[in-house]
Every structure is written in structure tokens, then in C-alpha cells.
Amino acid sequence: RIPVIVAGGRILWVVGVRASGFARVTPSTRRVLRL
């Protein structure tokens, strides 16, 4: 029942459990996606 969020074949977030280190926000990030 727990959704898995996927972008480009890579898992971004197991909702409510753990986020991926892929595409993490860094000091050089210009635009942020908040889920």
C-alpha cells in the first residue's frame, strides 16, 4: 500500500519511509521539487 515515486527509472522516494540520494538538493540547486 506504500507508494514508490519513480523518475527516469530510478526510485526517488518510498513514501513515508526513505528518500533517495539521487537528485538531492545541494547549494547549487536552482529549482526544488517538494513532494
PDB file of all heavy atoms in Angstrom:
ATOM      1  N   ARG A   1       0.819  -1.205   0.000  1.00  0.00           N
ATOM      2  CA  ARG A   1       0.000   0.000   0.000  1.00  0.00           C
ATOM      3  C   ARG A   1       0.863   1.270   0.000  1.00  0.00           C
ATOM      4  O   ARG A   1       0.360   2.373  -0.163  1.00  0.00           O
ATOM      5  CB  ARG A   1      -0.927   0.000   1.219  1.00  0.00           C
ATOM      6  CG  ARG A   1      -2.122   0.916   1.102  1.00  0.00           C
ATOM      7  CD  ARG A   1      -3.041   0.775   2.298  1.00  0.00           C
ATOM      8  NE  ARG A   1      -3.662  -0.531   2.360  1.00  0.00           N
ATOM      9  CZ  ARG A   1      -4.728  -0.876   1.661  1.00  0.00           C
ATOM     10  NH1 ARG A   1      -5.294  -0.012   0.857  1.00  0.00           N
ATOM     11  NH2 ARG A   1      -5.240  -2.082   1.769  1.00  0.00           N
ATOM     12  N   ILE A   2       2.163   1.106   0.211  1.00  0.00           N
ATOM     13  CA  ILE A   2       3.061   2.272   0.284  1.00  0.00           C
ATOM     14  C   ILE A   2       3.530   2.632  -1.119  1.00  0.00           C
ATOM     15  O   ILE A   2       4.174   1.826  -1.796  1.00  0.00           O
ATOM     16  CB  ILE A   2       4.262   1.974   1.189  1.00  0.00           C
ATOM     17  CG1 ILE A   2       3.783   1.765   2.626  1.00  0.00           C
ATOM     18  CG2 ILE A   2       5.294   3.089   1.114  1.00  0.00           C
ATOM     19  CD1 ILE A   2       4.875   1.363   3.595  1.00  0.00           C
ATOM     20  N   PRO A   3       3.229   3.841  -1.618  1.00  0.00           N
ATOM     21  CA  PRO A   3       3.619   4.215  -2.981  1.00  0.00           C
ATOM     22  C   PRO A   3       5.136   4.364  -3.118  1.00  0.00           C
ATOM     23  O   PRO A   3       5.830   4.761  -2.169  1.00  0.00           O
ATOM     24  CB  PRO A   3       2.920   5.567  -3.203  1.00  0.00           C
ATOM     25  CG  PRO A   3       1.928   5.687  -2.088  1.00  0.00           C
ATOM     26  CD  PRO A   3       2.466   4.898  -0.952  1.00  0.00           C
ATOM     27  N   VAL A   4       5.605   4.056  -4.289  1.00  0.00           N
ATOM     28  CA  VAL A   4       7.001   4.276  -4.664  1.00  0.00           C
ATOM     29  C   VAL A   4       7.012   5.346  -5.757  1.00  0.00           C
ATOM     30  O   VAL A   4       6.302   5.212  -6.757  1.00  0.00           O
ATOM     31  CB  VAL A   4       7.646   2.973  -5.171  1.00  0.00           C
ATOM     32  CG1 VAL A   4       9.050   3.231  -5.681  1.00  0.00           C
ATOM     33  CG2 VAL A   4       7.668   1.923  -4.060  1.00  0.00           C
ATOM     34  N   ILE A   5       7.781   6.411  -5.542  1.00  0.00           N
ATOM     35  CA  ILE A   5       7.866   7.503  -6.521  1.00  0.00           C
ATOM     36  C   ILE A   5       9.093   7.281  -7.395  1.00  0.00           C
ATOM     37  O   ILE A   5      10.215   7.143  -6.884  1.00  0.00           O
ATOM     38  CB  ILE A   5       7.953   8.876  -5.820  1.00  0.00           C
ATOM     39  CG1 ILE A   5       6.830   9.029  -4.778  1.00  0.00           C
ATOM     40  CG2 ILE A   5       7.899   9.997  -6.856  1.00  0.00           C
ATOM     41  CD1 ILE A   5       5.441   8.962  -5.339  1.00  0.00           C
ATOM     42  N   VAL A   6       8.872   7.255  -8.715  1.00  0.00           N
ATOM     43  CA  VAL A   6       9.931   6.884  -9.658  1.00  0.00           C
ATOM     44  C   VAL A   6      10.092   7.962 -10.721  1.00  0.00           C
ATOM     45  O   VAL A   6       9.105   8.478 -11.251  1.00  0.00           O
ATOM     46  CB  VAL A   6       9.605   5.535 -10.337  1.00  0.00           C
ATOM     47  CG1 VAL A   6      10.746   5.109 -11.251  1.00  0.00           C
ATOM     48  CG2 VAL A   6       9.335   4.462  -9.296  1.00  0.00           C
ATOM     49  N   ALA A   7      11.349   8.301 -11.045  1.00  0.00           N
ATOM     50  CA  ALA A   7      11.655   9.256 -12.119  1.00  0.00           C
ATOM     51  C   ALA A   7      12.773   8.678 -12.971  1.00  0.00           C
ATOM     52  O   ALA A   7      13.840   8.323 -12.447  1.00  0.00           O
ATOM     53  CB  ALA A   7      12.086  10.605 -11.538  1.00  0.00           C
ATOM     54  N   GLY A   8      12.511   8.566 -14.268  1.00  0.00           N
ATOM     55  CA  GLY A   8      13.540   8.061 -15.168  1.00  0.00           C
ATOM     56  C   GLY A   8      14.034   6.679 -14.802  1.00  0.00           C
ATOM     57  O   GLY A   8      15.220   6.360 -14.984  1.00  0.00           O
ATOM     58  N   GLY A   9      13.154   5.849 -14.256  1.00  0.00           N
ATOM     59  CA  GLY A   9      13.537   4.506 -13.880  1.00  0.00           C
ATOM     60  C   GLY A   9      14.224   4.400 -12.536  1.00  0.00           C
ATOM     61  O   GLY A   9      14.535   3.287 -12.083  1.00  0.00           O
ATOM     62  N   ARG A  10      14.476   5.515 -11.866  1.00  0.00           N
ATOM     63  CA  ARG A  10      15.151   5.496 -10.571  1.00  0.00           C
ATOM     64  C   ARG A  10      14.151   5.853  -9.470  1.00  0.00           C
ATOM     65  O   ARG A  10      13.353   6.788  -9.622  1.00  0.00           O
ATOM     66  CB  ARG A  10      16.321   6.476 -10.553  1.00  0.00           C
ATOM     67  CG  ARG A  10      17.347   6.195 -11.639  1.00  0.00           C
ATOM     68  CD  ARG A  10      18.555   7.096 -11.524  1.00  0.00           C
ATOM     69  NE  ARG A  10      19.333   6.824 -10.313  1.00  0.00           N
ATOM     70  CZ  ARG A  10      20.590   7.228 -10.148  1.00  0.00           C
ATOM     71  NH1 ARG A  10      21.189   7.923 -11.113  1.00  0.00           N
ATOM     72  NH2 ARG A  10      21.228   6.964  -9.032  1.00  0.00           N
ATOM     73  N   ILE A  11      14.203   5.136  -8.369  1.00  0.00           N
ATOM     74  CA  ILE A  11      13.273   5.382  -7.266  1.00  0.00           C
ATOM     75  C   ILE A  11      13.735   6.595  -6.478  1.00  0.00           C
ATOM     76  O   ILE A  11      14.851   6.638  -5.956  1.00  0.00           O
ATOM     77  CB  ILE A  11      13.165   4.144  -6.355  1.00  0.00           C
ATOM     78  CG1 ILE A  11      12.481   3.008  -7.119  1.00  0.00           C
ATOM     79  CG2 ILE A  11      12.384   4.479  -5.088  1.00  0.00           C
ATOM     80  CD1 ILE A  11      12.363   1.716  -6.345  1.00  0.00           C
ATOM     81  N   LEU A  12      12.843   7.592  -6.422  1.00  0.00           N
ATOM     82  CA  LEU A  12      13.131   8.819  -5.687  1.00  0.00           C
ATOM     83  C   LEU A  12      12.774   8.696  -4.218  1.00  0.00           C
ATOM     84  O   LEU A  12      13.478   9.193  -3.342  1.00  0.00           O
ATOM     85  CB  LEU A  12      12.330   9.993  -6.270  1.00  0.00           C
ATOM     86  CG  LEU A  12      12.749  10.616  -7.588  1.00  0.00           C
ATOM     87  CD1 LEU A  12      11.814  11.758  -7.926  1.00  0.00           C
ATOM     88  CD2 LEU A  12      14.177  11.105  -7.506  1.00  0.00           C
ATOM     89  N   TRP A  13      11.620   8.061  -3.959  1.00  0.00           N
ATOM     90  CA  TRP A  13      11.075   8.120  -2.603  1.00  0.00           C
ATOM     91  C   TRP A  13      10.176   6.931  -2.365  1.00  0.00           C
ATOM     92  O   TRP A  13       9.277   6.655  -3.166  1.00  0.00           O
ATOM     93  CB  TRP A  13      10.272   9.422  -2.463  1.00  0.00           C
ATOM     94  CG  TRP A  13       9.757   9.760  -1.096  1.00  0.00           C
ATOM     95  CD1 TRP A  13      10.280   9.378   0.109  1.00  0.00           C
ATOM     96  CD2 TRP A  13       8.615  10.562  -0.798  1.00  0.00           C
ATOM     97  NE1 TRP A  13       9.537   9.899   1.137  1.00  0.00           N
ATOM     98  CE2 TRP A  13       8.513  10.633   0.616  1.00  0.00           C
ATOM     99  CE3 TRP A  13       7.680  11.241  -1.568  1.00  0.00           C
ATOM    100  CZ2 TRP A  13       7.511  11.344   1.257  1.00  0.00           C
ATOM    101  CZ3 TRP A  13       6.675  11.950  -0.944  1.00  0.00           C
ATOM    102  CH2 TRP A  13       6.604  12.004   0.454  1.00  0.00           C
ATOM    103  N   VAL A  14      10.420   6.206  -1.295  1.00  0.00           N
ATOM    104  CA  VAL A  14       9.459   5.241  -0.779  1.00  0.00           C
ATOM    105  C   VAL A  14       8.649   6.026   0.245  1.00  0.00           C
ATOM    106  O   VAL A  14       9.136   6.359   1.328  1.00  0.00           O
ATOM    107  CB  VAL A  14      10.161   4.025  -0.128  1.00  0.00           C
ATOM    108  CG1 VAL A  14       9.117   3.044   0.388  1.00  0.00           C
ATOM    109  CG2 VAL A  14      11.079   3.346  -1.128  1.00  0.00           C
ATOM    110  N   VAL A  15       7.435   6.369  -0.114  1.00  0.00           N
ATOM    111  CA  VAL A  15       6.669   7.392   0.604  1.00  0.00           C
ATOM    112  C   VAL A  15       6.532   7.059   2.086  1.00  0.00           C
ATOM    113  O   VAL A  15       6.077   5.977   2.453  1.00  0.00           O
ATOM    114  CB  VAL A  15       5.283   7.585  -0.038  1.00  0.00           C
ATOM    115  CG1 VAL A  15       4.441   8.564   0.772  1.00  0.00           C
ATOM    116  CG2 VAL A  15       5.441   8.084  -1.477  1.00  0.00           C
ATOM    117  N   GLY A  16       6.944   8.015   2.902  1.00  0.00           N
ATOM    118  CA  GLY A  16       6.832   7.864   4.335  1.00  0.00           C
ATOM    119  C   GLY A  16       7.890   6.980   4.969  1.00  0.00           C
ATOM    120  O   GLY A  16       7.891   6.789   6.187  1.00  0.00           O
ATOM    121  N   VAL A  17       8.807   6.438   4.138  1.00  0.00           N
ATOM    122  CA  VAL A  17       9.831   5.526   4.664  1.00  0.00           C
ATOM    123  C   VAL A  17      11.232   6.081   4.473  1.00  0.00           C
ATOM    124  O   VAL A  17      11.956   6.349   5.427  1.00  0.00           O
ATOM    125  CB  VAL A  17       9.713   4.124   4.014  1.00  0.00           C
ATOM    126  CG1 VAL A  17      10.769   3.174   4.586  1.00  0.00           C
ATOM    127  CG2 VAL A  17       8.322   3.545   4.235  1.00  0.00           C
ATOM    128  N   ARG A  18      11.651   6.285   3.210  1.00  0.00           N
ATOM    129  CA  ARG A  18      13.007   6.768   2.954  1.00  0.00           C
ATOM    130  C   ARG A  18      13.087   7.428   1.576  1.00  0.00           C
ATOM    131  O   ARG A  18      12.503   6.927   0.618  1.00  0.00           O
ATOM    132  CB  ARG A  18      14.001   5.605   3.023  1.00  0.00           C
ATOM    133  CG  ARG A  18      15.463   6.002   2.895  1.00  0.00           C
ATOM    134  CD  ARG A  18      15.931   6.806   4.087  1.00  0.00           C
ATOM    135  NE  ARG A  18      15.956   5.994   5.296  1.00  0.00           N
ATOM    136  CZ  ARG A  18      17.009   5.263   5.670  1.00  0.00           C
ATOM    137  NH1 ARG A  18      18.103   5.253   4.931  1.00  0.00           N
ATOM    138  NH2 ARG A  18      16.962   4.572   6.785  1.00  0.00           N
ATOM    139  N   ALA A  19      13.836   8.533   1.500  1.00  0.00           N
ATOM    140  CA  ALA A  19      14.080   9.219   0.234  1.00  0.00           C
ATOM    141  C   ALA A  19      15.416   8.768  -0.334  1.00  0.00           C
ATOM    142  O   ALA A  19      16.315   8.331   0.392  1.00  0.00           O
ATOM    143  CB  ALA A  19      14.073  10.728   0.431  1.00  0.00           C
ATOM    144  N   SER A  20      15.548   8.907  -1.632  1.00  0.00           N
ATOM    145  CA  SER A  20      16.784   8.542  -2.323  1.00  0.00           C
ATOM    146  C   SER A  20      17.797   9.684  -2.257  1.00  0.00           C
ATOM    147  O   SER A  20      17.432  10.852  -2.104  1.00  0.00           O
ATOM    148  CB  SER A  20      16.474   8.201  -3.781  1.00  0.00           C
ATOM    149  OG  SER A  20      17.656   8.094  -4.539  1.00  0.00           O
ATOM    150  N   GLY A  21      19.063   9.324  -2.403  1.00  0.00           N
ATOM    151  CA  GLY A  21      20.102  10.339  -2.513  1.00  0.00           C
ATOM    152  C   GLY A  21      20.217  10.884  -3.924  1.00  0.00           C
ATOM    153  O   GLY A  21      20.901  11.889  -4.157  1.00  0.00           O
ATOM    154  N   PHE A  22      19.535  10.243  -4.885  1.00  0.00           N
ATOM    155  CA  PHE A  22      19.533  10.729  -6.260  1.00  0.00           C
ATOM    156  C   PHE A  22      18.801  12.064  -6.341  1.00  0.00           C
ATOM    157  O   PHE A  22      17.743  12.241  -5.759  1.00  0.00           O
ATOM    158  CB  PHE A  22      18.857   9.705  -7.169  1.00  0.00           C
ATOM    159  CG  PHE A  22      18.606  10.191  -8.572  1.00  0.00           C
ATOM    160  CD1 PHE A  22      19.649  10.509  -9.413  1.00  0.00           C
ATOM    161  CD2 PHE A  22      17.306  10.348  -9.027  1.00  0.00           C
ATOM    162  CE1 PHE A  22      19.410  10.967 -10.697  1.00  0.00           C
ATOM    163  CE2 PHE A  22      17.048  10.795 -10.310  1.00  0.00           C
ATOM    164  CZ  PHE A  22      18.115  11.107 -11.153  1.00  0.00           C
ATOM    165  N   ALA A  23      19.373  13.002  -7.072  1.00  0.00           N
ATOM    166  CA  ALA A  23      18.764  14.325  -7.281  1.00  0.00           C
ATOM    167  C   ALA A  23      18.561  15.068  -5.965  1.00  0.00           C
ATOM    168  O   ALA A  23      17.619  15.851  -5.824  1.00  0.00           O
ATOM    169  CB  ALA A  23      17.441  14.211  -8.040  1.00  0.00           C
ATOM    170  N   ARG A  24      19.445  14.862  -5.017  1.00  0.00           N
ATOM    171  CA  ARG A  24      19.309  15.546  -3.734  1.00  0.00           C
ATOM    172  C   ARG A  24      19.547  17.046  -3.901  1.00  0.00           C
ATOM    173  O   ARG A  24      20.231  17.488  -4.820  1.00  0.00           O
ATOM    174  CB  ARG A  24      20.266  14.977  -2.691  1.00  0.00           C
ATOM    175  CG  ARG A  24      21.730  15.242  -2.971  1.00  0.00           C
ATOM    176  CD  ARG A  24      22.598  14.575  -1.899  1.00  0.00           C
ATOM    177  NE  ARG A  24      23.997  14.878  -2.082  1.00  0.00           N
ATOM    178  CZ  ARG A  24      24.821  14.227  -2.878  1.00  0.00           C
ATOM    179  NH1 ARG A  24      24.343  13.215  -3.602  1.00  0.00           N
ATOM    180  NH2 ARG A  24      26.085  14.562  -2.983  1.00  0.00           N
ATOM    181  N   VAL A  25      18.973  17.827  -2.994  1.00  0.00           N
ATOM    182  CA  VAL A  25      19.128  19.276  -3.015  1.00  0.00           C
ATOM    183  C   VAL A  25      20.515  19.640  -2.483  1.00  0.00           C
ATOM    184  O   VAL A  25      20.927  19.160  -1.419  1.00  0.00           O
ATOM    185  CB  VAL A  25      18.035  19.947  -2.159  1.00  0.00           C
ATOM    186  CG1 VAL A  25      18.258  21.451  -2.077  1.00  0.00           C
ATOM    187  CG2 VAL A  25      16.653  19.648  -2.742  1.00  0.00           C
ATOM    188  N   THR A  26      21.218  20.480  -3.221  1.00  0.00           N
ATOM    189  CA  THR A  26      22.557  20.928  -2.846  1.00  0.00           C
ATOM    190  C   THR A  26      22.611  22.451  -2.908  1.00  0.00           C
ATOM    191  O   THR A  26      21.661  23.097  -3.390  1.00  0.00           O
ATOM    192  CB  THR A  26      23.613  20.333  -3.792  1.00  0.00           C
ATOM    193  OG1 THR A  26      23.448  20.929  -5.099  1.00  0.00           O
ATOM    194  CG2 THR A  26      23.460  18.817  -3.898  1.00  0.00           C
ATOM    195  N   PRO A  27      23.700  23.070  -2.451  1.00  0.00           N
ATOM    196  CA  PRO A  27      23.808  24.536  -2.549  1.00  0.00           C
ATOM    197  C   PRO A  27      23.718  25.067  -3.973  1.00  0.00           C
ATOM    198  O   PRO A  27      23.393  26.238  -4.186  1.00  0.00           O
ATOM    199  CB  PRO A  27      25.189  24.823  -1.931  1.00  0.00           C
ATOM    200  CG  PRO A  27      25.411  23.691  -0.975  1.00  0.00           C
ATOM    201  CD  PRO A  27      24.808  22.493  -1.650  1.00  0.00           C
ATOM    202  N   SER A  28      24.003  24.216  -4.978  1.00  0.00           N
ATOM    203  CA  SER A  28      23.932  24.673  -6.372  1.00  0.00           C
ATOM    204  C   SER A  28      22.560  24.442  -7.013  1.00  0.00           C
ATOM    205  O   SER A  28      22.351  24.809  -8.167  1.00  0.00           O
ATOM    206  CB  SER A  28      25.009  23.959  -7.204  1.00  0.00           C
ATOM    207  OG  SER A  28      24.796  22.551  -7.186  1.00  0.00           O
ATOM    208  N   THR A  29      21.633  23.859  -6.283  1.00  0.00           N
ATOM    209  CA  THR A  29      20.279  23.615  -6.819  1.00  0.00           C
ATOM    210  C   THR A  29      19.590  24.937  -7.122  1.00  0.00           C
ATOM    211  O   THR A  29      19.575  25.842  -6.291  1.00  0.00           O
ATOM    212  CB  THR A  29      19.448  22.799  -5.815  1.00  0.00           C
ATOM    213  OG1 THR A  29      20.049  21.516  -5.627  1.00  0.00           O
ATOM    214  CG2 THR A  29      18.017  22.620  -6.314  1.00  0.00           C
ATOM    215  N   ARG A  30      18.992  25.047  -8.312  1.00  0.00           N
ATOM    216  CA  ARG A  30      18.282  26.267  -8.699  1.00  0.00           C
ATOM    217  C   ARG A  30      16.784  26.144  -8.450  1.00  0.00           C
ATOM    218  O   ARG A  30      16.160  27.066  -7.960  1.00  0.00           O
ATOM    219  CB  ARG A  30      18.525  26.579 -10.182  1.00  0.00           C
ATOM    220  CG  ARG A  30      19.949  26.952 -10.520  1.00  0.00           C
ATOM    221  CD  ARG A  30      20.066  27.423 -11.969  1.00  0.00           C
ATOM    222  NE  ARG A  30      19.544  26.444 -12.913  1.00  0.00           N
ATOM    223  CZ  ARG A  30      18.408  26.575 -13.580  1.00  0.00           C
ATOM    224  NH1 ARG A  30      17.643  27.645 -13.400  1.00  0.00           N
ATOM    225  NH2 ARG A  30      18.007  25.636 -14.430  1.00  0.00           N
ATOM    226  N   ARG A  31      16.215  24.985  -8.815  1.00  0.00           N
ATOM    227  CA  ARG A  31      14.785  24.774  -8.626  1.00  0.00           C
ATOM    228  C   ARG A  31      14.569  23.504  -7.807  1.00  0.00           C
ATOM    229  O   ARG A  31      15.214  22.483  -8.047  1.00  0.00           O
ATOM    230  CB  ARG A  31      14.049  24.667  -9.966  1.00  0.00           C
ATOM    231  CG  ARG A  31      14.047  25.966 -10.760  1.00  0.00           C
ATOM    232  CD  ARG A  31      13.138  25.861 -11.985  1.00  0.00           C
ATOM    233  NE  ARG A  31      13.635  24.872 -12.935  1.00  0.00           N
ATOM    234  CZ  ARG A  31      12.964  24.486 -14.023  1.00  0.00           C
ATOM    235  NH1 ARG A  31      11.764  24.987 -14.264  1.00  0.00           N
ATOM    236  NH2 ARG A  31      13.491  23.592 -14.841  1.00  0.00           N
ATOM    237  N   VAL A  32      13.628  23.591  -6.879  1.00  0.00           N
ATOM    238  CA  VAL A  32      13.393  22.498  -5.936  1.00  0.00           C
ATOM    239  C   VAL A  32      12.017  21.886  -6.182  1.00  0.00           C
ATOM    240  O   VAL A  32      11.027  22.601  -6.361  1.00  0.00           O
ATOM    241  CB  VAL A  32      13.490  22.998  -4.475  1.00  0.00           C
ATOM    242  CG1 VAL A  32      13.171  21.865  -3.496  1.00  0.00           C
ATOM    243  CG2 VAL A  32      14.870  23.574  -4.203  1.00  0.00           C
ATOM    244  N   LEU A  33      11.967  20.572  -6.196  1.00  0.00           N
ATOM    245  CA  LEU A  33      10.709  19.828  -6.244  1.00  0.00           C
ATOM    246  C   LEU A  33      10.406  19.346  -4.832  1.00  0.00           C
ATOM    247  O   LEU A  33      11.210  18.626  -4.230  1.00  0.00           O
ATOM    248  CB  LEU A  33      10.815  18.632  -7.186  1.00  0.00           C
ATOM    249  CG  LEU A  33       9.655  17.613  -7.133  1.00  0.00           C
ATOM    250  CD1 LEU A  33       8.373  18.242  -7.652  1.00  0.00           C
ATOM    251  CD2 LEU A  33      10.001  16.349  -7.903  1.00  0.00           C
ATOM    252  N   ARG A  34       9.270  19.755  -4.317  1.00  0.00           N
ATOM    253  CA  ARG A  34       8.821  19.268  -3.000  1.00  0.00           C
ATOM    254  C   ARG A  34       7.643  18.336  -3.200  1.00  0.00           C
ATOM    255  O   ARG A  34       6.665  18.681  -3.848  1.00  0.00           O
ATOM    256  CB  ARG A  34       8.399  20.423  -2.100  1.00  0.00           C
ATOM    257  CG  ARG A  34       7.796  19.963  -0.779  1.00  0.00           C
ATOM    258  CD  ARG A  34       7.313  21.118   0.081  1.00  0.00           C
ATOM    259  NE  ARG A  34       6.614  20.636   1.265  1.00  0.00           N
ATOM    260  CZ  ARG A  34       5.302  20.397   1.341  1.00  0.00           C
ATOM    261  NH1 ARG A  34       4.538  20.629   0.270  1.00  0.00           N
ATOM    262  NH2 ARG A  34       4.758  19.957   2.447  1.00  0.00           N
ATOM    263  N   LEU A  35       7.750  17.136  -2.648  1.00  0.00           N
ATOM    264  CA  LEU A  35       6.667  16.170  -2.671  1.00  0.00           C
ATOM    265  C   LEU A  35       6.176  15.960  -1.251  1.00  0.00           C
ATOM    266  O   LEU A  35       6.988  15.853  -0.322  1.00  0.00           O
ATOM    267  CB  LEU A  35       7.142  14.824  -3.249  1.00  0.00           C
ATOM    268  CG  LEU A  35       7.687  14.847  -4.684  1.00  0.00           C
ATOM    269  CD1 LEU A  35       8.189  13.465  -5.067  1.00  0.00           C
ATOM    270  CD2 LEU A  35       6.630  15.326  -5.666  1.00  0.00           C
TER     271      LEU A  35
END
